[in-house]
N, C-alpha and C. Protein backbone atom coordinates (compact mmCIF):
# COMPACT_ATOMS: atom_id res chain seq x y z
N MET A 1 3.32 -21.88 7.04
CA MET A 1 3.26 -20.99 5.88
C MET A 1 4.63 -20.37 5.61
N ALA A 2 5.31 -19.93 6.67
CA ALA A 2 6.60 -19.27 6.49
C ALA A 2 7.61 -20.19 5.83
N SER A 3 7.63 -21.46 6.23
CA SER A 3 8.61 -22.38 5.66
C SER A 3 8.36 -22.66 4.19
N LEU A 4 7.13 -22.50 3.74
CA LEU A 4 6.82 -22.71 2.32
C LEU A 4 7.38 -21.61 1.44
N HIS A 5 7.56 -20.42 2.01
CA HIS A 5 8.03 -19.26 1.24
C HIS A 5 9.39 -18.78 1.73
N TRP A 6 10.15 -19.65 2.40
CA TRP A 6 11.42 -19.24 2.99
C TRP A 6 12.48 -19.01 1.91
N ASN A 7 13.23 -17.93 2.09
CA ASN A 7 14.33 -17.59 1.19
C ASN A 7 15.58 -17.45 2.05
N PRO A 8 16.68 -18.08 1.65
CA PRO A 8 17.89 -18.03 2.48
C PRO A 8 18.40 -16.61 2.74
N ARG A 9 18.20 -15.71 1.80
CA ARG A 9 18.70 -14.34 1.98
C ARG A 9 17.70 -13.45 2.71
N PHE A 10 16.41 -13.59 2.38
CA PHE A 10 15.41 -12.65 2.88
C PHE A 10 14.49 -13.24 3.95
N GLY A 11 14.59 -14.53 4.20
CA GLY A 11 13.76 -15.15 5.23
C GLY A 11 12.34 -15.37 4.76
N ASP A 12 11.40 -15.14 5.66
CA ASP A 12 9.98 -15.33 5.39
C ASP A 12 9.52 -14.31 4.35
N ARG A 13 9.06 -14.78 3.21
CA ARG A 13 8.68 -13.86 2.15
C ARG A 13 7.17 -13.76 1.99
N ALA A 14 6.42 -14.18 2.98
CA ALA A 14 4.97 -14.04 2.94
C ALA A 14 4.60 -12.77 3.71
N GLN A 15 3.70 -11.99 3.15
CA GLN A 15 3.25 -10.77 3.82
C GLN A 15 1.73 -10.70 3.76
N GLU A 16 1.19 -10.03 4.72
CA GLU A 16 -0.24 -9.71 4.71
C GLU A 16 -0.35 -8.24 5.05
N LEU A 17 -1.14 -7.52 4.29
CA LEU A 17 -1.32 -6.09 4.51
C LEU A 17 -2.78 -5.79 4.77
N VAL A 18 -2.99 -4.81 5.61
CA VAL A 18 -4.32 -4.26 5.80
C VAL A 18 -4.21 -2.80 5.37
N VAL A 19 -5.03 -2.41 4.43
CA VAL A 19 -5.00 -1.05 3.92
C VAL A 19 -6.27 -0.34 4.38
N VAL A 20 -6.09 0.73 5.13
CA VAL A 20 -7.22 1.51 5.62
C VAL A 20 -7.20 2.84 4.89
N THR A 21 -8.23 3.09 4.14
CA THR A 21 -8.30 4.34 3.38
C THR A 21 -9.70 4.93 3.47
N HIS A 22 -9.82 6.10 2.96
CA HIS A 22 -11.12 6.77 2.88
C HIS A 22 -11.32 7.19 1.43
N ARG A 23 -12.30 6.60 0.81
CA ARG A 23 -12.65 6.94 -0.58
C ARG A 23 -11.51 6.71 -1.57
N THR A 24 -10.79 5.64 -1.41
CA THR A 24 -9.73 5.28 -2.35
C THR A 24 -10.17 4.05 -3.13
N SER A 25 -10.01 4.10 -4.43
CA SER A 25 -10.43 2.97 -5.25
C SER A 25 -9.43 1.83 -5.13
N PRO A 26 -9.87 0.61 -5.32
CA PRO A 26 -8.94 -0.53 -5.31
C PRO A 26 -7.81 -0.37 -6.32
N ASP A 27 -8.09 0.23 -7.47
CA ASP A 27 -7.04 0.44 -8.47
C ASP A 27 -5.96 1.39 -7.96
N GLU A 28 -6.36 2.43 -7.22
CA GLU A 28 -5.38 3.36 -6.66
C GLU A 28 -4.50 2.66 -5.63
N ILE A 29 -5.10 1.80 -4.82
CA ILE A 29 -4.34 1.06 -3.81
C ILE A 29 -3.35 0.12 -4.50
N THR A 30 -3.83 -0.62 -5.48
CA THR A 30 -2.96 -1.55 -6.22
C THR A 30 -1.82 -0.81 -6.89
N SER A 31 -2.10 0.33 -7.50
CA SER A 31 -1.05 1.12 -8.16
C SER A 31 0.00 1.59 -7.17
N ALA A 32 -0.43 2.08 -6.01
CA ALA A 32 0.52 2.56 -5.00
C ALA A 32 1.40 1.43 -4.49
N LEU A 33 0.80 0.27 -4.24
CA LEU A 33 1.58 -0.86 -3.74
C LEU A 33 2.53 -1.39 -4.80
N THR A 34 2.09 -1.46 -6.04
CA THR A 34 2.95 -1.93 -7.13
C THR A 34 4.12 -0.97 -7.34
N ALA A 35 3.86 0.32 -7.27
CA ALA A 35 4.93 1.31 -7.46
C ALA A 35 5.96 1.25 -6.35
N ALA A 36 5.59 0.73 -5.19
CA ALA A 36 6.51 0.65 -4.05
C ALA A 36 7.45 -0.54 -4.13
N LEU A 37 7.18 -1.48 -5.03
CA LEU A 37 8.04 -2.66 -5.15
C LEU A 37 9.40 -2.29 -5.73
N LEU A 38 10.43 -2.98 -5.28
CA LEU A 38 11.76 -2.76 -5.85
C LEU A 38 11.87 -3.47 -7.19
N THR A 39 12.57 -2.83 -8.13
CA THR A 39 12.90 -3.49 -9.38
C THR A 39 14.05 -4.46 -9.12
N ASP A 40 14.37 -5.31 -10.07
CA ASP A 40 15.50 -6.22 -9.91
C ASP A 40 16.80 -5.44 -9.69
N ASN A 41 16.98 -4.34 -10.42
CA ASN A 41 18.19 -3.53 -10.27
C ASN A 41 18.26 -2.89 -8.89
N GLU A 42 17.12 -2.37 -8.41
CA GLU A 42 17.09 -1.77 -7.08
C GLU A 42 17.35 -2.82 -6.00
N LEU A 43 16.78 -3.99 -6.17
CA LEU A 43 16.98 -5.06 -5.20
C LEU A 43 18.46 -5.44 -5.13
N SER A 44 19.11 -5.54 -6.27
CA SER A 44 20.52 -5.93 -6.29
C SER A 44 21.43 -4.85 -5.70
N ALA A 45 20.94 -3.61 -5.59
CA ALA A 45 21.75 -2.53 -5.02
C ALA A 45 21.97 -2.72 -3.52
N GLY A 46 21.10 -3.46 -2.85
CA GLY A 46 21.30 -3.79 -1.44
C GLY A 46 20.71 -2.80 -0.46
N PRO A 47 20.71 -3.21 0.83
CA PRO A 47 20.06 -2.43 1.88
C PRO A 47 20.59 -1.01 2.06
N ASP A 48 21.88 -0.78 1.85
CA ASP A 48 22.40 0.58 1.99
C ASP A 48 21.76 1.52 0.97
N ALA A 49 21.57 1.04 -0.24
CA ALA A 49 20.92 1.85 -1.27
C ALA A 49 19.44 2.02 -0.95
N TRP A 50 18.81 0.96 -0.48
CA TRP A 50 17.37 1.03 -0.18
C TRP A 50 17.07 2.11 0.85
N ALA A 51 17.97 2.28 1.81
CA ALA A 51 17.75 3.27 2.87
C ALA A 51 17.72 4.69 2.32
N ARG A 52 18.28 4.90 1.14
CA ARG A 52 18.32 6.24 0.53
C ARG A 52 17.13 6.51 -0.40
N TYR A 53 16.33 5.49 -0.67
CA TYR A 53 15.19 5.68 -1.56
C TYR A 53 14.10 6.49 -0.85
N PRO A 54 13.39 7.31 -1.60
CA PRO A 54 12.29 8.07 -0.98
C PRO A 54 11.18 7.12 -0.53
N ASP A 55 10.47 7.52 0.50
CA ASP A 55 9.35 6.74 1.01
C ASP A 55 8.22 6.75 -0.02
N PRO A 56 7.85 5.59 -0.57
CA PRO A 56 6.80 5.58 -1.59
C PRO A 56 5.42 5.91 -1.01
N PHE A 57 5.30 5.88 0.30
CA PHE A 57 4.03 6.23 0.94
C PHE A 57 4.17 7.50 1.75
N GLY A 58 5.03 8.38 1.29
CA GLY A 58 5.32 9.63 2.00
C GLY A 58 4.08 10.47 2.23
N ASP A 59 4.28 11.70 2.56
CA ASP A 59 3.23 12.62 2.96
C ASP A 59 2.39 13.06 1.77
N TRP A 60 1.51 12.24 1.30
CA TRP A 60 0.71 12.63 0.14
C TRP A 60 -0.75 12.80 0.48
N HIS A 61 -1.16 12.43 1.66
CA HIS A 61 -2.56 12.56 2.05
C HIS A 61 -2.84 13.97 2.53
N THR A 62 -3.96 14.51 2.14
CA THR A 62 -4.37 15.82 2.62
C THR A 62 -5.71 15.70 3.32
N ASP A 63 -5.87 16.44 4.38
CA ASP A 63 -7.14 16.50 5.11
C ASP A 63 -7.83 17.80 4.77
N PRO A 64 -9.10 17.91 4.83
CA PRO A 64 -10.03 16.83 5.17
C PRO A 64 -10.30 15.94 3.98
N CYS A 65 -10.66 14.72 4.25
CA CYS A 65 -10.92 13.75 3.19
C CYS A 65 -12.10 14.17 2.32
N GLU A 66 -12.96 14.99 2.85
CA GLU A 66 -14.13 15.43 2.09
C GLU A 66 -13.75 16.21 0.83
N ASP A 67 -12.51 16.70 0.77
CA ASP A 67 -12.07 17.43 -0.41
C ASP A 67 -11.76 16.51 -1.58
N SER A 68 -11.89 15.22 -1.39
CA SER A 68 -11.58 14.24 -2.42
C SER A 68 -12.52 14.39 -3.62
N ASP A 69 -11.98 14.11 -4.81
CA ASP A 69 -12.79 14.16 -6.02
C ASP A 69 -13.56 12.87 -6.24
N ILE A 70 -13.27 11.84 -5.45
CA ILE A 70 -13.94 10.56 -5.61
C ILE A 70 -15.32 10.64 -4.97
N THR A 71 -16.33 10.28 -5.74
CA THR A 71 -17.70 10.32 -5.26
C THR A 71 -17.98 9.12 -4.37
N ASP A 72 -18.64 9.38 -3.25
CA ASP A 72 -19.05 8.32 -2.35
C ASP A 72 -20.35 7.75 -2.89
N SER A 73 -20.27 6.53 -3.45
CA SER A 73 -21.44 5.94 -4.11
C SER A 73 -22.28 5.07 -3.19
N ARG A 74 -21.93 5.05 -1.90
CA ARG A 74 -22.72 4.23 -0.98
C ARG A 74 -24.10 4.85 -0.77
N THR A 75 -25.07 4.01 -0.49
CA THR A 75 -26.41 4.51 -0.18
C THR A 75 -26.43 4.97 1.27
N ASP A 76 -27.45 5.73 1.62
CA ASP A 76 -27.61 6.15 3.02
C ASP A 76 -27.72 4.95 3.93
N ALA A 77 -28.39 3.89 3.46
CA ALA A 77 -28.55 2.69 4.28
C ALA A 77 -27.20 2.03 4.54
N ALA A 78 -26.32 2.02 3.53
CA ALA A 78 -24.98 1.44 3.71
C ALA A 78 -24.17 2.25 4.70
N ARG A 79 -24.31 3.57 4.65
CA ARG A 79 -23.58 4.43 5.60
C ARG A 79 -24.06 4.17 7.02
N LYS A 80 -25.38 4.06 7.20
CA LYS A 80 -25.93 3.80 8.53
C LYS A 80 -25.49 2.44 9.04
N GLU A 81 -25.41 1.47 8.15
CA GLU A 81 -25.00 0.12 8.53
C GLU A 81 -23.56 0.10 9.03
N GLU A 82 -22.71 0.97 8.50
CA GLU A 82 -21.31 1.05 8.94
C GLU A 82 -21.18 1.59 10.35
N LYS A 83 -22.14 2.40 10.77
CA LYS A 83 -22.06 3.03 12.09
C LYS A 83 -22.41 2.10 13.14
């Protein structure tokens, strides 16, 4: 797989992510990941510039998760099944 996506400058360009969240919609996850991508201009600025960019996944989570405005639409049976 790596050799199929090999880039002489960046190496293996295949990634797999596991996102663990609590009550986050798929659209919110997609938006956060898309916003974290470098633009062409940012990419051309190089690694020294990248190190100065703010962390796109910085300290934005607040506890407890129960304070979330997102409604948990699972049924009681689905919750029990997760346990």
